[in-house]
Amino acid sequence: MVEVFYNDSFLHVIHRIKDANFRERVNKLIEKIVNDPEIGKPMRHERKGTREVYIGSFRLSYVFIPEQNRLVFLSIYHKDEQ
């Protein structure tokens, strides 16, 4: 079983989501990632080691550490904020 952790900035953004549909999409995506942590697109350059999945025009960023069987959700941000 994968250990799941949430970064403070991730929790901050999650608590600010007011749209119930978007919040539900994020929750379903989190479940999907927990079940298969390698589904996200591996990032390169300064974000090497992280993965991202798309939610419309937003990105959910996370790190999967297979040696420790640990999953850390980092942030949700708009694609224009990259």
PDB file of N, CA and C in Angstrom:
ATOM      1  N   MET A   1       0.836  -1.194   0.000  1.00  0.00           N
ATOM      2  CA  MET A   1       0.000   0.000   0.000  1.00  0.00           C
ATOM      3  C   MET A   1       0.875   1.250   0.000  1.00  0.00           C
ATOM      4  N   VAL A   2       0.500   2.218  -0.789  1.00  0.00           N
ATOM      5  CA  VAL A   2       1.245   3.464  -0.932  1.00  0.00           C
ATOM      6  C   VAL A   2       0.888   4.411   0.212  1.00  0.00           C
ATOM      7  N   GLU A   3       1.928   5.007   0.820  1.00  0.00           N
ATOM      8  CA  GLU A   3       1.699   6.049   1.828  1.00  0.00           C
ATOM      9  C   GLU A   3       1.445   7.363   1.084  1.00  0.00           C
ATOM     10  N   VAL A   4       0.397   8.081   1.465  1.00  0.00           N
ATOM     11  CA  VAL A   4       0.023   9.318   0.779  1.00  0.00           C
ATOM     12  C   VAL A   4       0.238  10.508   1.711  1.00  0.00           C
ATOM     13  N   PHE A   5       0.914  11.529   1.197  1.00  0.00           N
ATOM     14  CA  PHE A   5       1.157  12.762   1.929  1.00  0.00           C
ATOM     15  C   PHE A   5       0.718  13.943   1.074  1.00  0.00           C
ATOM     16  N   TYR A   6       0.352  15.021   1.738  1.00  0.00           N
ATOM     17  CA  TYR A   6      -0.087  16.228   1.046  1.00  0.00           C
ATOM     18  C   TYR A   6       0.770  17.410   1.490  1.00  0.00           C
ATOM     19  N   ASN A   7       1.336  18.116   0.535  1.00  0.00           N
ATOM     20  CA  ASN A   7       2.099  19.330   0.789  1.00  0.00           C
ATOM     21  C   ASN A   7       1.140  20.414   1.294  1.00  0.00           C
ATOM     22  N   ASP A   8       1.634  21.332   2.114  1.00  0.00           N
ATOM     23  CA  ASP A   8       0.793  22.412   2.653  1.00  0.00           C
ATOM     24  C   ASP A   8       0.160  23.262   1.549  1.00  0.00           C
ATOM     25  N   SER A   9       0.915  23.550   0.499  1.00  0.00           N
ATOM     26  CA  SER A   9       0.358  24.363  -0.588  1.00  0.00           C
ATOM     27  C   SER A   9      -0.741  23.601  -1.324  1.00  0.00           C
ATOM     28  N   PHE A  10      -0.613  22.288  -1.425  1.00  0.00           N
ATOM     29  CA  PHE A  10      -1.655  21.469  -2.052  1.00  0.00           C
ATOM     30  C   PHE A  10      -2.933  21.539  -1.222  1.00  0.00           C
ATOM     31  N   LEU A  11      -2.810  21.385   0.077  1.00  0.00           N
ATOM     32  CA  LEU A  11      -3.978  21.445   0.960  1.00  0.00           C
ATOM     33  C   LEU A  11      -4.636  22.820   0.915  1.00  0.00           C
ATOM     34  N   HIS A  12      -3.820  23.859   0.835  1.00  0.00           N
ATOM     35  CA  HIS A  12      -4.341  25.220   0.764  1.00  0.00           C
ATOM     36  C   HIS A  12      -5.208  25.403  -0.483  1.00  0.00           C
ATOM     37  N   VAL A  13      -4.710  24.926  -1.625  1.00  0.00           N
ATOM     38  CA  VAL A  13      -5.457  25.064  -2.877  1.00  0.00           C
ATOM     39  C   VAL A  13      -6.725  24.215  -2.827  1.00  0.00           C
ATOM     40  N   ILE A  14      -6.643  23.010  -2.316  1.00  0.00           N
ATOM     41  CA  ILE A  14      -7.814  22.123  -2.232  1.00  0.00           C
ATOM     42  C   ILE A  14      -8.926  22.766  -1.404  1.00  0.00           C
ATOM     43  N   HIS A  15      -8.565  23.370  -0.293  1.00  0.00           N
ATOM     44  CA  HIS A  15      -9.568  23.995   0.571  1.00  0.00           C
ATOM     45  C   HIS A  15     -10.195  25.236  -0.066  1.00  0.00           C
ATOM     46  N   ARG A  16      -9.515  25.835  -1.030  1.00  0.00           N
ATOM     47  CA  ARG A  16     -10.046  27.035  -1.689  1.00  0.00           C
ATOM     48  C   ARG A  16     -10.954  26.717  -2.868  1.00  0.00           C
ATOM     49  N   ILE A  17     -11.004  25.449  -3.302  1.00  0.00           N
ATOM     50  CA  ILE A  17     -11.849  25.083  -4.442  1.00  0.00           C
ATOM     51  C   ILE A  17     -13.311  25.148  -4.026  1.00  0.00           C
ATOM     52  N   LYS A  18     -14.065  25.980  -4.716  1.00  0.00           N
ATOM     53  CA  LYS A  18     -15.492  26.145  -4.392  1.00  0.00           C
ATOM     54  C   LYS A  18     -16.385  25.354  -5.348  1.00  0.00           C
ATOM     55  N   ASP A  19     -15.907  25.106  -6.555  1.00  0.00           N
ATOM     56  CA  ASP A  19     -16.688  24.384  -7.557  1.00  0.00           C
ATOM     57  C   ASP A  19     -16.747  22.894  -7.203  1.00  0.00           C
ATOM     58  N   ALA A  20     -17.945  22.405  -6.901  1.00  0.00           N
ATOM     59  CA  ALA A  20     -18.130  21.012  -6.468  1.00  0.00           C
ATOM     60  C   ALA A  20     -17.736  20.020  -7.560  1.00  0.00           C
ATOM     61  N   ASN A  21     -18.023  20.342  -8.824  1.00  0.00           N
ATOM     62  CA  ASN A  21     -17.647  19.446  -9.922  1.00  0.00           C
ATOM     63  C   ASN A  21     -16.133  19.311 -10.032  1.00  0.00           C
ATOM     64  N   PHE A  22     -15.443  20.435  -9.954  1.00  0.00           N
ATOM     65  CA  PHE A  22     -13.980  20.403 -10.050  1.00  0.00           C
ATOM     66  C   PHE A  22     -13.383  19.656  -8.864  1.00  0.00           C
ATOM     67  N   ARG A  23     -13.912  19.895  -7.679  1.00  0.00           N
ATOM     68  CA  ARG A  23     -13.425  19.208  -6.482  1.00  0.00           C
ATOM     69  C   ARG A  23     -13.612  17.691  -6.631  1.00  0.00           C
ATOM     70  N   GLU A  24     -14.744  17.272  -7.185  1.00  0.00           N
ATOM     71  CA  GLU A  24     -15.008  15.842  -7.394  1.00  0.00           C
ATOM     72  C   GLU A  24     -14.036  15.257  -8.412  1.00  0.00           C
ATOM     73  N   ARG A  25     -13.752  16.009  -9.472  1.00  0.00           N
ATOM     74  CA  ARG A  25     -12.775  15.549 -10.471  1.00  0.00           C
ATOM     75  C   ARG A  25     -11.397  15.388  -9.858  1.00  0.00           C
ATOM     76  N   VAL A  26     -11.021  16.329  -8.993  1.00  0.00           N
ATOM     77  CA  VAL A  26      -9.720  16.244  -8.329  1.00  0.00           C
ATOM     78  C   VAL A  26      -9.679  15.016  -7.421  1.00  0.00           C
ATOM     79  N   ASN A  27     -10.726  14.778  -6.647  1.00  0.00           N
ATOM     80  CA  ASN A  27     -10.764  13.622  -5.748  1.00  0.00           C
ATOM     81  C   ASN A  27     -10.677  12.303  -6.513  1.00  0.00           C
ATOM     82  N   LYS A  28     -11.382  12.206  -7.642  1.00  0.00           N
ATOM     83  CA  LYS A  28     -11.318  10.993  -8.455  1.00  0.00           C
ATOM     84  C   LYS A  28      -9.926  10.794  -9.027  1.00  0.00           C
ATOM     85  N   LEU A  29      -9.302  11.897  -9.442  1.00  0.00           N
ATOM     86  CA  LEU A  29      -7.954  11.818  -9.992  1.00  0.00           C
ATOM     87  C   LEU A  29      -6.954  11.397  -8.918  1.00  0.00           C
ATOM     88  N   ILE A  30      -7.120  11.878  -7.707  1.00  0.00           N
ATOM     89  CA  ILE A  30      -6.243  11.474  -6.605  1.00  0.00           C
ATOM     90  C   ILE A  30      -6.370   9.976  -6.365  1.00  0.00           C
ATOM     91  N   GLU A  31      -7.593   9.458  -6.364  1.00  0.00           N
ATOM     92  CA  GLU A  31      -7.799   8.012  -6.191  1.00  0.00           C
ATOM     93  C   GLU A  31      -7.111   7.228  -7.300  1.00  0.00           C
ATOM     94  N   LYS A  32      -7.228   7.727  -8.528  1.00  0.00           N
ATOM     95  CA  LYS A  32      -6.610   7.064  -9.670  1.00  0.00           C
ATOM     96  C   LYS A  32      -5.087   7.032  -9.524  1.00  0.00           C
ATOM     97  N   ILE A  33      -4.518   8.145  -9.078  1.00  0.00           N
ATOM     98  CA  ILE A  33      -3.069   8.233  -8.898  1.00  0.00           C
ATOM     99  C   ILE A  33      -2.609   7.302  -7.778  1.00  0.00           C
ATOM    100  N   VAL A  34      -3.363   7.232  -6.692  1.00  0.00           N
ATOM    101  CA  VAL A  34      -3.000   6.347  -5.577  1.00  0.00           C
ATOM    102  C   VAL A  34      -2.985   4.895  -6.053  1.00  0.00           C
ATOM    103  N   ASN A  35      -3.928   4.534  -6.914  1.00  0.00           N
ATOM    104  CA  ASN A  35      -3.986   3.166  -7.431  1.00  0.00           C
ATOM    105  C   ASN A  35      -2.885   2.866  -8.440  1.00  0.00           C
ATOM    106  N   ASP A  36      -2.450   3.866  -9.191  1.00  0.00           N
ATOM    107  CA  ASP A  36      -1.382   3.700 -10.183  1.00  0.00           C
ATOM    108  C   ASP A  36      -0.541   4.976 -10.225  1.00  0.00           C
ATOM    109  N   PRO A  37       0.450   5.101  -9.326  1.00  0.00           N
ATOM    110  CA  PRO A  37       1.219   6.344  -9.192  1.00  0.00           C
ATOM    111  C   PRO A  37       2.007   6.765 -10.426  1.00  0.00           C
ATOM    112  N   GLU A  38       2.206   5.865 -11.364  1.00  0.00           N
ATOM    113  CA  GLU A  38       3.025   6.225 -12.520  1.00  0.00           C
ATOM    114  C   GLU A  38       2.205   6.663 -13.727  1.00  0.00           C
ATOM    115  N   ILE A  39       0.923   7.028 -13.534  1.00  0.00           N
ATOM    116  CA  ILE A  39       0.101   7.453 -14.666  1.00  0.00           C
ATOM    117  C   ILE A  39       0.420   8.874 -15.125  1.00  0.00           C
ATOM    118  N   GLY A  40       0.986   9.680 -14.246  1.00  0.00           N
ATOM    119  CA  GLY A  40       1.279  11.070 -14.594  1.00  0.00           C
ATOM    120  C   GLY A  40       2.454  11.194 -15.536  1.00  0.00           C
ATOM    121  N   LYS A  41       2.493  12.305 -16.233  1.00  0.00           N
ATOM    122  CA  LYS A  41       3.581  12.597 -17.160  1.00  0.00           C
ATOM    123  C   LYS A  41       4.831  12.973 -16.373  1.00  0.00           C
ATOM    124  N   PRO A  42       5.954  12.277 -16.581  1.00  0.00           N
ATOM    125  CA  PRO A  42       7.194  12.642 -15.889  1.00  0.00           C
ATOM    126  C   PRO A  42       7.702  13.997 -16.379  1.00  0.00           C
ATOM    127  N   MET A  43       8.063  14.846 -15.457  1.00  0.00           N
ATOM    128  CA  MET A  43       8.559  16.179 -15.804  1.00  0.00           C
ATOM    129  C   MET A  43      10.068  16.136 -16.014  1.00  0.00           C
ATOM    130  N   ARG A  44      10.575  17.167 -16.699  1.00  0.00           N
ATOM    131  CA  ARG A  44      12.004  17.249 -16.994  1.00  0.00           C
ATOM    132  C   ARG A  44      12.581  18.549 -16.447  1.00  0.00           C
ATOM    133  N   HIS A  45      13.860  18.690 -16.600  1.00  0.00           N
ATOM    134  CA  HIS A  45      14.621  19.883 -16.225  1.00  0.00           C
ATOM    135  C   HIS A  45      14.482  20.200 -14.737  1.00  0.00           C
ATOM    136  N   GLU A  46      14.056  21.423 -14.382  1.00  0.00           N
ATOM    137  CA  GLU A  46      14.017  21.809 -12.967  1.00  0.00           C
ATOM    138  C   GLU A  46      12.944  21.061 -12.176  1.00  0.00           C
ATOM    139  N   ARG A  47      11.986  20.451 -12.854  1.00  0.00           N
ATOM    140  CA  ARG A  47      10.941  19.686 -12.161  1.00  0.00           C
ATOM    141  C   ARG A  47      11.162  18.178 -12.264  1.00  0.00           C
ATOM    142  N   LYS A  48      12.375  17.778 -12.592  1.00  0.00           N
ATOM    143  CA  LYS A  48      12.692  16.360 -12.733  1.00  0.00           C
ATOM    144  C   LYS A  48      12.380  15.630 -11.429  1.00  0.00           C
ATOM    145  N   GLY A  49      11.770  14.468 -11.544  1.00  0.00           N
ATOM    146  CA  GLY A  49      11.403  13.682 -10.372  1.00  0.00           C
ATOM    147  C   GLY A  49       9.939  13.838 -10.003  1.00  0.00           C
ATOM    148  N   THR A  50       9.290  14.852 -10.576  1.00  0.00           N
ATOM    149  CA  THR A  50       7.864  15.044 -10.309  1.00  0.00           C
ATOM    150  C   THR A  50       7.060  14.541 -11.502  1.00  0.00           C
ATOM    151  N   ARG A  51       5.782  14.381 -11.277  1.00  0.00           N
ATOM    152  CA  ARG A  51       4.860  13.970 -12.330  1.00  0.00           C
ATOM    153  C   ARG A  51       3.662  14.902 -12.311  1.00  0.00           C
ATOM    154  N   GLU A  52       2.983  15.006 -13.457  1.00  0.00           N
ATOM    155  CA  GLU A  52       1.803  15.854 -13.549  1.00  0.00           C
ATOM    156  C   GLU A  52       0.691  15.137 -14.299  1.00  0.00           C
ATOM    157  N   VAL A  53      -0.534  15.429 -13.892  1.00  0.00           N
ATOM    158  CA  VAL A  53      -1.717  14.997 -14.632  1.00  0.00           C
ATOM    159  C   VAL A  53      -2.559  16.236 -14.900  1.00  0.00           C
ATOM    160  N   TYR A  54      -3.294  16.190 -15.988  1.00  0.00           N
ATOM    161  CA  TYR A  54      -4.087  17.335 -16.402  1.00  0.00           C
ATOM    162  C   TYR A  54      -5.512  17.227 -15.898  1.00  0.00           C
ATOM    163  N   ILE A  55      -6.049  18.368 -15.479  1.00  0.00           N
ATOM    164  CA  ILE A  55      -7.459  18.508 -15.116  1.00  0.00           C
ATOM    165  C   ILE A  55      -7.939  19.751 -15.866  1.00  0.00           C
ATOM    166  N   GLY A  56      -8.346  19.566 -17.086  1.00  0.00           N
ATOM    167  CA  GLY A  56      -8.713  20.714 -17.909  1.00  0.00           C
ATOM    168  C   GLY A  56      -7.493  21.582 -18.139  1.00  0.00           C
ATOM    169  N   SER A  57      -7.576  22.856 -17.789  1.00  0.00           N
ATOM    170  CA  SER A  57      -6.439  23.756 -17.957  1.00  0.00           C
ATOM    171  C   SER A  57      -5.606  23.866 -16.678  1.00  0.00           C
ATOM    172  N   PHE A  58      -5.828  22.968 -15.738  1.00  0.00           N
ATOM    173  CA  PHE A  58      -5.045  22.922 -14.501  1.00  0.00           C
ATOM    174  C   PHE A  58      -4.134  21.703 -14.499  1.00  0.00           C
ATOM    175  N   ARG A  59      -3.113  21.750 -13.665  1.00  0.00           N
ATOM    176  CA  ARG A  59      -2.161  20.661 -13.526  1.00  0.00           C
ATOM    177  C   ARG A  59      -2.090  20.243 -12.060  1.00  0.00           C
ATOM    178  N   LEU A  60      -2.092  18.949 -11.815  1.00  0.00           N
ATOM    179  CA  LEU A  60      -1.905  18.408 -10.472  1.00  0.00           C
ATOM    180  C   LEU A  60      -0.508  17.810 -10.452  1.00  0.00           C
ATOM    181  N   SER A  61       0.338  18.331  -9.592  1.00  0.00           N
ATOM    182  CA  SER A  61       1.735  17.922  -9.527  1.00  0.00           C
ATOM    183  C   SER A  61       1.961  17.043  -8.299  1.00  0.00           C
ATOM    184  N   TYR A  62       2.735  15.960  -8.489  1.00  0.00           N
ATOM    185  CA  TYR A  62       3.023  15.055  -7.380  1.00  0.00           C
ATOM    186  C   TYR A  62       4.362  14.360  -7.579  1.00  0.00           C
ATOM    187  N   VAL A  63       4.843  13.737  -6.509  1.00  0.00           N
ATOM    188  CA  VAL A  63       6.090  12.975  -6.538  1.00  0.00           C
ATOM    189  C   VAL A  63       5.779  11.565  -6.074  1.00  0.00           C
ATOM    190  N   PHE A  64       6.281  10.584  -6.803  1.00  0.00           N
ATOM    191  CA  PHE A  64       6.176   9.189  -6.387  1.00  0.00           C
ATOM    192  C   PHE A  64       7.586   8.699  -6.097  1.00  0.00           C
ATOM    193  N   ILE A  65       7.798   8.200  -4.868  1.00  0.00           N
ATOM    194  CA  ILE A  65       9.096   7.690  -4.450  1.00  0.00           C
ATOM    195  C   ILE A  65       8.946   6.176  -4.282  1.00  0.00           C
ATOM    196  N   PRO A  66       9.268   5.401  -5.338  1.00  0.00           N
ATOM    197  CA  PRO A  66       9.014   3.960  -5.298  1.00  0.00           C
ATOM    198  C   PRO A  66       9.805   3.216  -4.225  1.00  0.00           C
ATOM    199  N   GLU A  67      11.030   3.684  -3.925  1.00  0.00           N
ATOM    200  CA  GLU A  67      11.854   3.007  -2.919  1.00  0.00           C
ATOM    201  C   GLU A  67      11.190   3.035  -1.540  1.00  0.00           C
ATOM    202  N   GLN A  68      10.483   4.111  -1.259  1.00  0.00           N
ATOM    203  CA  GLN A  68       9.814   4.268   0.038  1.00  0.00           C
ATOM    204  C   GLN A  68       8.322   3.996  -0.055  1.00  0.00           C
ATOM    205  N   ASN A  69       7.847   3.700  -1.275  1.00  0.00           N
ATOM    206  CA  ASN A  69       6.429   3.473  -1.523  1.00  0.00           C
ATOM    207  C   ASN A  69       5.605   4.655  -1.004  1.00  0.00           C
ATOM    208  N   ARG A  70       6.048   5.849  -1.367  1.00  0.00           N
ATOM    209  CA  ARG A  70       5.472   7.098  -0.857  1.00  0.00           C
ATOM    210  C   ARG A  70       5.016   7.983  -2.013  1.00  0.00           C
ATOM    211  N   LEU A  71       3.879   8.614  -1.830  1.00  0.00           N
ATOM    212  CA  LEU A  71       3.292   9.503  -2.810  1.00  0.00           C
ATOM    213  C   LEU A  71       3.033  10.840  -2.131  1.00  0.00           C
ATOM    214  N   VAL A  72       3.575  11.925  -2.705  1.00  0.00           N
ATOM    215  CA  VAL A  72       3.417  13.256  -2.121  1.00  0.00           C
ATOM    216  C   VAL A  72       2.763  14.169  -3.162  1.00  0.00           C
ATOM    217  N   PHE A  73       1.581  14.672  -2.833  1.00  0.00           N
ATOM    218  CA  PHE A  73       0.896  15.615  -3.710  1.00  0.00           C
ATOM    219  C   PHE A  73       1.429  17.008  -3.419  1.00  0.00           C
ATOM    220  N   LEU A  74       1.913  17.694  -4.463  1.00  0.00           N
ATOM    221  CA  LEU A  74       2.612  18.961  -4.295  1.00  0.00           C
ATOM    222  C   LEU A  74       1.734  20.184  -4.518  1.00  0.00           C
ATOM    223  N   SER A  75       1.001  20.223  -5.639  1.00  0.00           N
ATOM    224  CA  SER A  75       0.282  21.447  -5.956  1.00  0.00           C
ATOM    225  C   SER A  75      -0.738  21.217  -7.061  1.00  0.00           C
ATOM    226  N   ILE A  76      -1.691  22.128  -7.140  1.00  0.00           N
ATOM    227  CA  ILE A  76      -2.594  22.244  -8.278  1.00  0.00           C
ATOM    228  C   ILE A  76      -2.444  23.682  -8.754  1.00  0.00           C
ATOM    229  N   TYR A  77      -2.167  23.846 -10.050  1.00  0.00           N
ATOM    230  CA  TYR A  77      -1.980  25.203 -10.566  1.00  0.00           C
ATOM    231  C   TYR A  77      -2.482  25.284 -12.003  1.00  0.00           C
ATOM    232  N   HIS A  78      -2.743  26.503 -12.440  1.00  0.00           N
ATOM    233  CA  HIS A  78      -3.193  26.744 -13.798  1.00  0.00           C
ATOM    234  C   HIS A  78      -1.995  26.609 -14.731  1.00  0.00           C
ATOM    235  N   LYS A  79      -2.226  26.097 -15.917  1.00  0.00           N
ATOM    236  CA  LYS A  79      -1.124  25.854 -16.858  1.00  0.00           C
ATOM    237  C   LYS A  79      -0.370  27.128 -17.217  1.00  0.00           C
ATOM    238  N   ASP A  80      -1.005  28.286 -17.131  1.00  0.00           N
ATOM    239  CA  ASP A  80      -0.337  29.547 -17.431  1.00  0.00           C
ATOM    240  C   ASP A  80       0.628  29.983 -16.337  1.00  0.00           C
ATOM    241  N   GLU A  81       0.594  29.315 -15.176  1.00  0.00           N
ATOM    242  CA  GLU A  81       1.483  29.673 -14.062  1.00  0.00           C
ATOM    243  C   GLU A  81       2.765  28.868 -14.056  1.00  0.00           C
ATOM    244  N   GLN A  82       3.026  28.086 -15.098  1.00  0.00           N
ATOM    245  CA  GLN A  82       4.218  27.259 -15.145  1.00  0.00           C
ATOM    246  C   GLN A  82       5.461  28.077 -15.136  1.00  0.00           C
TER     247      GLN A  82
END
